[in-house]
Amino acid sequence: MPLYRLLSTSRDRSGAHPLHDLPIVAPSVRHAAARVLGRADEVFGDRTGEAWLVTEDGARVWSLSLEAEEAEGGALS
Protein backbone atom coordinates (compact mmCIF):
# COMPACT_ATOMS: atom_id res chain seq x y z
CA MET A 1 0.00 0.00 0.00
CA PRO A 2 1.16 3.53 -0.67
CA LEU A 3 2.71 5.62 2.06
CA TYR A 4 1.49 9.20 2.46
CA ARG A 5 2.76 11.82 4.90
CA LEU A 6 0.57 14.30 6.72
CA LEU A 7 2.31 17.63 7.13
CA SER A 8 0.90 20.68 8.88
CA THR A 9 1.95 24.21 9.77
CA SER A 10 0.98 26.54 12.55
CA ARG A 11 -1.47 29.34 11.96
CA ASP A 12 1.23 31.99 12.42
CA ARG A 13 3.69 30.02 10.23
CA SER A 14 6.55 31.08 12.50
CA GLY A 15 8.08 27.62 12.57
CA ALA A 16 10.41 26.53 9.81
CA HIS A 17 9.38 22.91 10.28
CA PRO A 18 5.92 21.35 10.06
CA LEU A 19 4.00 20.83 13.30
CA HIS A 20 3.28 17.28 12.17
CA ASP A 21 5.01 14.83 9.91
CA LEU A 22 2.87 11.75 10.31
CA PRO A 23 3.17 8.68 8.05
CA ILE A 24 -0.12 7.18 6.85
CA VAL A 25 -0.37 3.89 4.96
CA ALA A 26 -3.56 3.73 2.90
CA PRO A 27 -4.76 2.25 -0.40
CA SER A 28 -5.65 5.67 -1.85
CA VAL A 29 -5.56 9.40 -1.20
CA ARG A 30 -9.25 9.28 -0.28
CA HIS A 31 -8.61 6.63 2.37
CA ALA A 32 -5.60 8.53 3.72
CA ALA A 33 -7.63 11.75 3.99
CA ALA A 34 -10.45 9.87 5.74
CA ARG A 35 -7.98 8.54 8.29
CA VAL A 36 -6.68 12.05 8.92
CA LEU A 37 -10.17 13.46 9.37
CA GLY A 38 -11.16 10.54 11.59
CA ARG A 39 -8.31 11.47 13.94
CA ALA A 40 -8.78 15.24 13.64
CA ASP A 41 -9.20 15.84 17.37
CA GLU A 42 -5.86 14.22 18.17
CA VAL A 43 -3.96 15.44 15.10
CA PHE A 44 -5.01 19.09 14.85
CA GLY A 45 -4.70 21.62 17.63
CA ASP A 46 -5.56 25.26 18.09
CA ARG A 47 -2.31 26.28 16.40
CA THR A 48 -2.84 24.29 13.21
CA GLY A 49 -3.36 26.51 10.18
CA GLU A 50 -2.97 24.18 7.23
CA ALA A 51 -2.47 20.46 6.73
CA TRP A 52 -1.70 18.45 3.61
CA LEU A 53 -0.88 14.96 2.41
CA VAL A 54 2.09 14.20 0.19
CA THR A 55 3.03 11.05 -1.68
CA GLU A 56 6.32 9.24 -1.18
CA ASP A 57 7.88 11.38 -3.91
CA GLY A 58 6.66 14.60 -2.26
CA ALA A 59 3.72 15.45 -4.53
CA ARG A 60 0.97 17.31 -2.66
CA VAL A 61 -2.28 15.38 -3.18
CA TRP A 62 -4.71 16.74 -0.56
CA SER A 63 -4.89 19.79 1.67
CA LEU A 64 -7.02 21.34 4.39
CA SER A 65 -7.01 24.94 5.55
CA LEU A 66 -8.23 25.51 9.09
CA GLU A 67 -9.70 28.98 9.35
CA ALA A 68 -9.50 30.85 12.65
CA GLU A 69 -13.30 30.79 13.02
CA GLU A 70 -13.36 27.00 12.75
CA ALA A 71 -10.56 26.56 15.28
CA GLU A 72 -12.34 28.79 17.80
CA GLY A 73 -15.33 26.45 17.76
CA GLY A 74 -13.06 23.56 18.71
CA ALA A 75 -14.47 21.11 16.19
CA LEU A 76 -14.20 20.25 12.54
CA SER A 77 -17.30 19.61 10.53
PDB file of N, CA and C in Angstrom:
ATOM      1  N   MET A   1       0.844  -1.185   0.000  1.00  0.00           N
ATOM      2  CA  MET A   1       0.000   0.000   0.000  1.00  0.00           C
ATOM      3  C   MET A   1       0.884   1.241   0.000  1.00  0.00           C
ATOM      4  N   PRO A   2       0.395   2.287  -0.623  1.00  0.00           N
ATOM      5  CA  PRO A   2       1.157   3.532  -0.673  1.00  0.00           C
ATOM      6  C   PRO A   2       1.332   4.161   0.706  1.00  0.00           C
ATOM      7  N   LEU A   3       2.424   4.869   0.847  1.00  0.00           N
ATOM      8  CA  LEU A   3       2.714   5.622   2.060  1.00  0.00           C
ATOM      9  C   LEU A   3       2.525   7.100   1.762  1.00  0.00           C
ATOM     10  N   TYR A   4       1.698   7.750   2.552  1.00  0.00           N
ATOM     11  CA  TYR A   4       1.492   9.196   2.465  1.00  0.00           C
ATOM     12  C   TYR A   4       2.059   9.812   3.736  1.00  0.00           C
ATOM     13  N   ARG A   5       2.329  11.101   3.704  1.00  0.00           N
ATOM     14  CA  ARG A   5       2.763  11.818   4.899  1.00  0.00           C
ATOM     15  C   ARG A   5       1.841  13.003   5.110  1.00  0.00           C
ATOM     16  N   LEU A   6       1.363  13.144   6.341  1.00  0.00           N
ATOM     17  CA  LEU A   6       0.566  14.298   6.716  1.00  0.00           C
ATOM     18  C   LEU A   6       1.503  15.351   7.277  1.00  0.00           C
ATOM     19  N   LEU A   7       1.512  16.503   6.669  1.00  0.00           N
ATOM     20  CA  LEU A   7       2.308  17.629   7.133  1.00  0.00           C
ATOM     21  C   LEU A   7       1.355  18.746   7.531  1.00  0.00           C
ATOM     22  N   SER A   8       1.734  19.548   8.501  1.00  0.00           N
ATOM     23  CA  SER A   8       0.896  20.684   8.883  1.00  0.00           C
ATOM     24  C   SER A   8       1.772  21.818   9.392  1.00  0.00           C
ATOM     25  N   THR A   9       1.245  23.023   9.276  1.00  0.00           N
ATOM     26  CA  THR A   9       1.946  24.207   9.766  1.00  0.00           C
ATOM     27  C   THR A   9       1.078  24.924  10.789  1.00  0.00           C
ATOM     28  N   SER A  10       1.731  25.760  11.570  1.00  0.00           N
ATOM     29  CA  SER A  10       0.977  26.536  12.549  1.00  0.00           C
ATOM     30  C   SER A  10       0.303  27.709  11.860  1.00  0.00           C
ATOM     31  N   ARG A  11      -0.702  28.238  12.503  1.00  0.00           N
ATOM     32  CA  ARG A  11      -1.468  29.345  11.958  1.00  0.00           C
ATOM     33  C   ARG A  11      -0.576  30.555  11.699  1.00  0.00           C
ATOM     34  N   ASP A  12       0.371  30.820  12.592  1.00  0.00           N
ATOM     35  CA  ASP A  12       1.231  31.988  12.419  1.00  0.00           C
ATOM     36  C   ASP A  12       2.420  31.710  11.502  1.00  0.00           C
ATOM     37  N   ARG A  13       2.613  30.450  11.142  1.00  0.00           N
ATOM     38  CA  ARG A  13       3.686  30.021  10.232  1.00  0.00           C
ATOM     39  C   ARG A  13       5.075  30.466  10.685  1.00  0.00           C
ATOM     40  N   SER A  14       5.249  30.635  11.991  1.00  0.00           N
ATOM     41  CA  SER A  14       6.547  31.082  12.503  1.00  0.00           C
ATOM     42  C   SER A  14       7.585  29.961  12.496  1.00  0.00           C
ATOM     43  N   GLY A  15       7.137  28.739  12.548  1.00  0.00           N
ATOM     44  CA  GLY A  15       8.076  27.623  12.572  1.00  0.00           C
ATOM     45  C   GLY A  15       8.562  27.254  11.187  1.00  0.00           C
ATOM     46  N   ALA A  16       9.842  26.927  11.095  1.00  0.00           N
ATOM     47  CA  ALA A  16      10.413  26.530   9.810  1.00  0.00           C
ATOM     48  C   ALA A  16      10.044  25.087   9.471  1.00  0.00           C
ATOM     49  N   HIS A  17       9.708  24.310  10.481  1.00  0.00           N
ATOM     50  CA  HIS A  17       9.383  22.906  10.276  1.00  0.00           C
ATOM     51  C   HIS A  17       7.901  22.676  10.507  1.00  0.00           C
ATOM     52  N   PRO A  18       7.346  21.667   9.846  1.00  0.00           N
ATOM     53  CA  PRO A  18       5.924  21.355  10.058  1.00  0.00           C
ATOM     54  C   PRO A  18       5.642  20.980  11.509  1.00  0.00           C
ATOM     55  N   LEU A  19       4.428  21.268  11.974  1.00  0.00           N
ATOM     56  CA  LEU A  19       4.000  20.830  13.302  1.00  0.00           C
ATOM     57  C   LEU A  19       3.914  19.314  13.346  1.00  0.00           C
ATOM     58  N   HIS A  20       3.422  18.722  12.254  1.00  0.00           N
ATOM     59  CA  HIS A  20       3.278  17.277  12.173  1.00  0.00           C
ATOM     60  C   HIS A  20       3.960  16.753  10.917  1.00  0.00           C
ATOM     61  N   ASP A  21       4.507  15.588  11.045  1.00  0.00           N
ATOM     62  CA  ASP A  21       5.011  14.833   9.907  1.00  0.00           C
ATOM     63  C   ASP A  21       4.665  13.390  10.233  1.00  0.00           C
ATOM     64  N   LEU A  22       3.427  13.021   9.904  1.00  0.00           N
ATOM     65  CA  LEU A  22       2.865  11.749  10.310  1.00  0.00           C
ATOM     66  C   LEU A  22       2.715  10.822   9.112  1.00  0.00           C
ATOM     67  N   PRO A  23       3.344   9.629   9.150  1.00  0.00           N
ATOM     68  CA  PRO A  23       3.169   8.681   8.047  1.00  0.00           C
ATOM     69  C   PRO A  23       1.798   8.015   8.109  1.00  0.00           C
ATOM     70  N   ILE A  24       1.187   7.833   6.945  1.00  0.00           N
ATOM     71  CA  ILE A  24      -0.118   7.176   6.854  1.00  0.00           C
ATOM     72  C   ILE A  24      -0.068   6.192   5.690  1.00  0.00           C
ATOM     73  N   VAL A  25      -0.301   4.927   5.987  1.00  0.00           N
ATOM     74  CA  VAL A  25      -0.366   3.895   4.961  1.00  0.00           C
ATOM     75  C   VAL A  25      -1.837   3.695   4.617  1.00  0.00           C
ATOM     76  N   ALA A  26      -2.171   3.846   3.339  1.00  0.00           N
ATOM     77  CA  ALA A  26      -3.560   3.730   2.899  1.00  0.00           C
ATOM     78  C   ALA A  26      -3.592   3.332   1.432  1.00  0.00           C
ATOM     79  N   PRO A  27      -4.680   2.685   0.999  1.00  0.00           N
ATOM     80  CA  PRO A  27      -4.759   2.247  -0.396  1.00  0.00           C
ATOM     81  C   PRO A  27      -4.945   3.386  -1.399  1.00  0.00           C
ATOM     82  N   SER A  28      -5.430   4.550  -0.936  1.00  0.00           N
ATOM     83  CA  SER A  28      -5.651   5.669  -1.854  1.00  0.00           C
ATOM     84  C   SER A  28      -5.595   6.982  -1.077  1.00  0.00           C
ATOM     85  N   VAL A  29      -5.540   8.069  -1.815  1.00  0.00           N
ATOM     86  CA  VAL A  29      -5.561   9.399  -1.197  1.00  0.00           C
ATOM     87  C   VAL A  29      -6.853   9.576  -0.406  1.00  0.00           C
ATOM     88  N   ARG A  30      -7.950   9.140  -0.965  1.00  0.00           N
ATOM     89  CA  ARG A  30      -9.246   9.275  -0.284  1.00  0.00           C
ATOM     90  C   ARG A  30      -9.239   8.567   1.065  1.00  0.00           C
ATOM     91  N   HIS A  31      -8.684   7.361   1.110  1.00  0.00           N
ATOM     92  CA  HIS A  31      -8.613   6.627   2.375  1.00  0.00           C
ATOM     93  C   HIS A  31      -7.658   7.317   3.355  1.00  0.00           C
ATOM     94  N   ALA A  32      -6.556   7.828   2.855  1.00  0.00           N
ATOM     95  CA  ALA A  32      -5.602   8.527   3.720  1.00  0.00           C
ATOM     96  C   ALA A  32      -6.244   9.779   4.315  1.00  0.00           C
ATOM     97  N   ALA A  33      -6.956  10.549   3.502  1.00  0.00           N
ATOM     98  CA  ALA A  33      -7.633  11.753   3.988  1.00  0.00           C
ATOM     99  C   ALA A  33      -8.703  11.385   5.012  1.00  0.00           C
ATOM    100  N   ALA A  34      -9.424  10.307   4.785  1.00  0.00           N
ATOM    101  CA  ALA A  34     -10.453   9.874   5.737  1.00  0.00           C
ATOM    102  C   ALA A  34      -9.824   9.503   7.075  1.00  0.00           C
ATOM    103  N   ARG A  35      -8.666   8.884   7.038  1.00  0.00           N
ATOM    104  CA  ARG A  35      -7.978   8.538   8.292  1.00  0.00           C
ATOM    105  C   ARG A  35      -7.544   9.803   9.035  1.00  0.00           C
ATOM    106  N   VAL A  36      -7.059  10.777   8.295  1.00  0.00           N
ATOM    107  CA  VAL A  36      -6.678  12.053   8.916  1.00  0.00           C
ATOM    108  C   VAL A  36      -7.890  12.702   9.570  1.00  0.00           C
ATOM    109  N   LEU A  37      -8.975  12.811   8.835  1.00  0.00           N
ATOM    110  CA  LEU A  37     -10.167  13.464   9.367  1.00  0.00           C
ATOM    111  C   LEU A  37     -10.780  12.677  10.528  1.00  0.00           C
ATOM    112  N   GLY A  38     -10.658  11.364  10.491  1.00  0.00           N
ATOM    113  CA  GLY A  38     -11.157  10.540  11.588  1.00  0.00           C
ATOM    114  C   GLY A  38     -10.380  10.731  12.877  1.00  0.00           C
ATOM    115  N   ARG A  39      -9.151  11.219  12.763  1.00  0.00           N
ATOM    116  CA  ARG A  39      -8.306  11.470  13.935  1.00  0.00           C
ATOM    117  C   ARG A  39      -8.089  12.967  14.158  1.00  0.00           C
ATOM    118  N   ALA A  40      -8.964  13.784  13.610  1.00  0.00           N
ATOM    119  CA  ALA A  40      -8.778  15.243  13.635  1.00  0.00           C
ATOM    120  C   ALA A  40      -8.570  15.787  15.040  1.00  0.00           C
ATOM    121  N   ASP A  41      -9.319  15.311  16.011  1.00  0.00           N
ATOM    122  CA  ASP A  41      -9.198  15.839  17.369  1.00  0.00           C
ATOM    123  C   ASP A  41      -7.815  15.601  17.966  1.00  0.00           C
ATOM    124  N   GLU A  42      -7.186  14.492  17.618  1.00  0.00           N
ATOM    125  CA  GLU A  42      -5.861  14.219  18.172  1.00  0.00           C
ATOM    126  C   GLU A  42      -4.732  14.765  17.299  1.00  0.00           C
ATOM    127  N   VAL A  43      -5.001  14.985  16.021  1.00  0.00           N
ATOM    128  CA  VAL A  43      -3.959  15.440  15.099  1.00  0.00           C
ATOM    129  C   VAL A  43      -3.860  16.959  15.023  1.00  0.00           C
ATOM    130  N   PHE A  44      -5.011  17.637  15.013  1.00  0.00           N
ATOM    131  CA  PHE A  44      -5.009  19.087  14.850  1.00  0.00           C
ATOM    132  C   PHE A  44      -5.261  19.777  16.176  1.00  0.00           C
ATOM    133  N   GLY A  45      -4.503  20.829  16.421  1.00  0.00           N
ATOM    134  CA  GLY A  45      -4.699  21.619  17.626  1.00  0.00           C
ATOM    135  C   GLY A  45      -5.082  23.042  17.271  1.00  0.00           C
ATOM    136  N   ASP A  46      -5.185  23.865  18.278  1.00  0.00           N
ATOM    137  CA  ASP A  46      -5.565  25.261  18.087  1.00  0.00           C
ATOM    138  C   ASP A  46      -4.574  26.024  17.211  1.00  0.00           C
ATOM    139  N   ARG A  47      -3.324  25.582  17.180  1.00  0.00           N
ATOM    140  CA  ARG A  47      -2.305  26.284  16.400  1.00  0.00           C
ATOM    141  C   ARG A  47      -2.271  25.875  14.938  1.00  0.00           C
ATOM    142  N   THR A  48      -2.924  24.783  14.578  1.00  0.00           N
ATOM    143  CA  THR A  48      -2.843  24.287  13.207  1.00  0.00           C
ATOM    144  C   THR A  48      -3.532  25.240  12.236  1.00  0.00           C
ATOM    145  N   GLY A  49      -2.812  25.630  11.192  1.00  0.00           N
ATOM    146  CA  GLY A  49      -3.360  26.515  10.183  1.00  0.00           C
ATOM    147  C   GLY A  49      -3.672  25.803   8.883  1.00  0.00           C
ATOM    148  N   GLU A  50      -2.787  24.914   8.483  1.00  0.00           N
ATOM    149  CA  GLU A  50      -2.965  24.181   7.235  1.00  0.00           C
ATOM    150  C   GLU A  50      -2.355  22.798   7.383  1.00  0.00           C
ATOM    151  N   ALA A  51      -2.980  21.824   6.732  1.00  0.00           N
ATOM    152  CA  ALA A  51      -2.467  20.459   6.728  1.00  0.00           C
ATOM    153  C   ALA A  51      -2.572  19.916   5.314  1.00  0.00           C
ATOM    154  N   TRP A  52      -1.661  19.014   4.951  1.00  0.00           N
ATOM    155  CA  TRP A  52      -1.705  18.449   3.614  1.00  0.00           C
ATOM    156  C   TRP A  52      -1.058  17.075   3.604  1.00  0.00           C
ATOM    157  N   LEU A  53      -1.459  16.275   2.622  1.00  0.00           N
ATOM    158  CA  LEU A  53      -0.875  14.959   2.408  1.00  0.00           C
ATOM    159  C   LEU A  53       0.044  15.017   1.201  1.00  0.00           C
ATOM    160  N   VAL A  54       1.170  14.331   1.321  1.00  0.00           N
ATOM    161  CA  VAL A  54       2.088  14.199   0.189  1.00  0.00           C
ATOM    162  C   VAL A  54       2.341  12.719  -0.056  1.00  0.00           C
ATOM    163  N   THR A  55       2.667  12.415  -1.304  1.00  0.00           N
ATOM    164  CA  THR A  55       3.026  11.051  -1.676  1.00  0.00           C
ATOM    165  C   THR A  55       4.483  10.807  -1.305  1.00  0.00           C
ATOM    166  N   GLU A  56       4.933   9.584  -1.510  1.00  0.00           N
ATOM    167  CA  GLU A  56       6.324   9.241  -1.181  1.00  0.00           C
ATOM    168  C   GLU A  56       7.331  10.100  -1.938  1.00  0.00           C
ATOM    169  N   ASP A  57       6.956  10.547  -3.141  1.00  0.00           N
ATOM    170  CA  ASP A  57       7.884  11.377  -3.911  1.00  0.00           C
ATOM    171  C   ASP A  57       7.685  12.877  -3.646  1.00  0.00           C
ATOM    172  N   GLY A  58       6.825  13.214  -2.670  1.00  0.00           N
ATOM    173  CA  GLY A  58       6.663  14.600  -2.262  1.00  0.00           C
ATOM    174  C   GLY A  58       5.568  15.386  -2.953  1.00  0.00           C
ATOM    175  N   ALA A  59       4.801  14.744  -3.833  1.00  0.00           N
ATOM    176  CA  ALA A  59       3.720  15.445  -4.531  1.00  0.00           C
ATOM    177  C   ALA A  59       2.568  15.709  -3.561  1.00  0.00           C
ATOM    178  N   ARG A  60       2.098  16.927  -3.529  1.00  0.00           N
ATOM    179  CA  ARG A  60       0.974  17.308  -2.662  1.00  0.00           C
ATOM    180  C   ARG A  60      -0.321  16.827  -3.318  1.00  0.00           C
ATOM    181  N   VAL A  61      -1.090  15.991  -2.589  1.00  0.00           N
ATOM    182  CA  VAL A  61      -2.283  15.379  -3.184  1.00  0.00           C
ATOM    183  C   VAL A  61      -3.584  15.730  -2.476  1.00  0.00           C
ATOM    184  N   TRP A  62      -3.507  16.366  -1.307  1.00  0.00           N
ATOM    185  CA  TRP A  62      -4.708  16.736  -0.556  1.00  0.00           C
ATOM    186  C   TRP A  62      -4.310  17.806   0.444  1.00  0.00           C
ATOM    187  N   SER A  63      -5.196  18.764   0.670  1.00  0.00           N
ATOM    188  CA  SER A  63      -4.889  19.790   1.672  1.00  0.00           C
ATOM    189  C   SER A  63      -6.149  20.248   2.383  1.00  0.00           C
ATOM    190  N   LEU A  64      -5.936  20.843   3.546  1.00  0.00           N
ATOM    191  CA  LEU A  64      -7.015  21.336   4.389  1.00  0.00           C
ATOM    192  C   LEU A  64      -6.541  22.615   5.045  1.00  0.00           C
ATOM    193  N   SER A  65      -7.317  23.670   4.892  1.00  0.00           N
ATOM    194  CA  SER A  65      -7.015  24.942   5.547  1.00  0.00           C
ATOM    195  C   SER A  65      -7.964  25.111   6.720  1.00  0.00           C
ATOM    196  N   LEU A  66      -7.416  25.341   7.892  1.00  0.00           N
ATOM    197  CA  LEU A  66      -8.225  25.506   9.091  1.00  0.00           C
ATOM    198  C   LEU A  66      -8.322  26.993   9.405  1.00  0.00           C
ATOM    199  N   GLU A  67      -9.475  27.563   9.106  1.00  0.00           N
ATOM    200  CA  GLU A  67      -9.700  28.983   9.345  1.00  0.00           C
ATOM    201  C   GLU A  67      -9.795  29.261  10.837  1.00  0.00           C
ATOM    202  N   ALA A  68      -9.460  30.468  11.237  1.00  0.00           N
ATOM    203  CA  ALA A  68      -9.497  30.854  12.650  1.00  0.00           C
ATOM    204  C   ALA A  68     -10.884  30.653  13.243  1.00  0.00           C
ATOM    205  N   GLU A  69     -11.935  30.945  12.499  1.00  0.00           N
ATOM    206  CA  GLU A  69     -13.297  30.791  13.017  1.00  0.00           C
ATOM    207  C   GLU A  69     -13.612  29.334  13.335  1.00  0.00           C
ATOM    208  N   GLU A  70     -13.121  28.413  12.506  1.00  0.00           N
ATOM    209  CA  GLU A  70     -13.358  26.995  12.747  1.00  0.00           C
ATOM    210  C   GLU A  70     -12.618  26.535  13.984  1.00  0.00           C
ATOM    211  N   ALA A  71     -11.373  26.985  14.146  1.00  0.00           N
ATOM    212  CA  ALA A  71     -10.563  26.559  15.282  1.00  0.00           C
ATOM    213  C   ALA A  71     -11.149  27.064  16.594  1.00  0.00           C
ATOM    214  N   GLU A  72     -11.753  28.252  16.587  1.00  0.00           N
ATOM    215  CA  GLU A  72     -12.338  28.791  17.805  1.00  0.00           C
ATOM    216  C   GLU A  72     -13.496  27.941  18.293  1.00  0.00           C
ATOM    217  N   GLY A  73     -14.218  27.308  17.384  1.00  0.00           N
ATOM    218  CA  GLY A  73     -15.331  26.450  17.757  1.00  0.00           C
ATOM    219  C   GLY A  73     -14.882  25.132  18.352  1.00  0.00           C
ATOM    220  N   GLY A  74     -13.620  24.769  18.123  1.00  0.00           N
ATOM    221  CA  GLY A  74     -13.055  23.564  18.713  1.00  0.00           C
ATOM    222  C   GLY A  74     -13.410  22.271  18.011  1.00  0.00           C
ATOM    223  N   ALA A  75     -14.090  22.344  16.885  1.00  0.00           N
ATOM    224  CA  ALA A  75     -14.467  21.106  16.192  1.00  0.00           C
ATOM    225  C   ALA A  75     -14.411  21.319  14.694  1.00  0.00           C
ATOM    226  N   LEU A  76     -14.160  20.235  13.999  1.00  0.00           N
ATOM    227  CA  LEU A  76     -14.198  20.253  12.543  1.00  0.00           C
ATOM    228  C   LEU A  76     -15.514  19.668  12.113  1.00  0.00           C
ATOM    229  N   SER A  77     -16.057  20.196  11.035  1.00  0.00           N
ATOM    230  CA  SER A  77     -17.299  19.614  10.531  1.00  0.00           C
ATOM    231  C   SER A  77     -17.088  19.052   9.151  1.00  0.00           C
TER     232      SER A  77
END
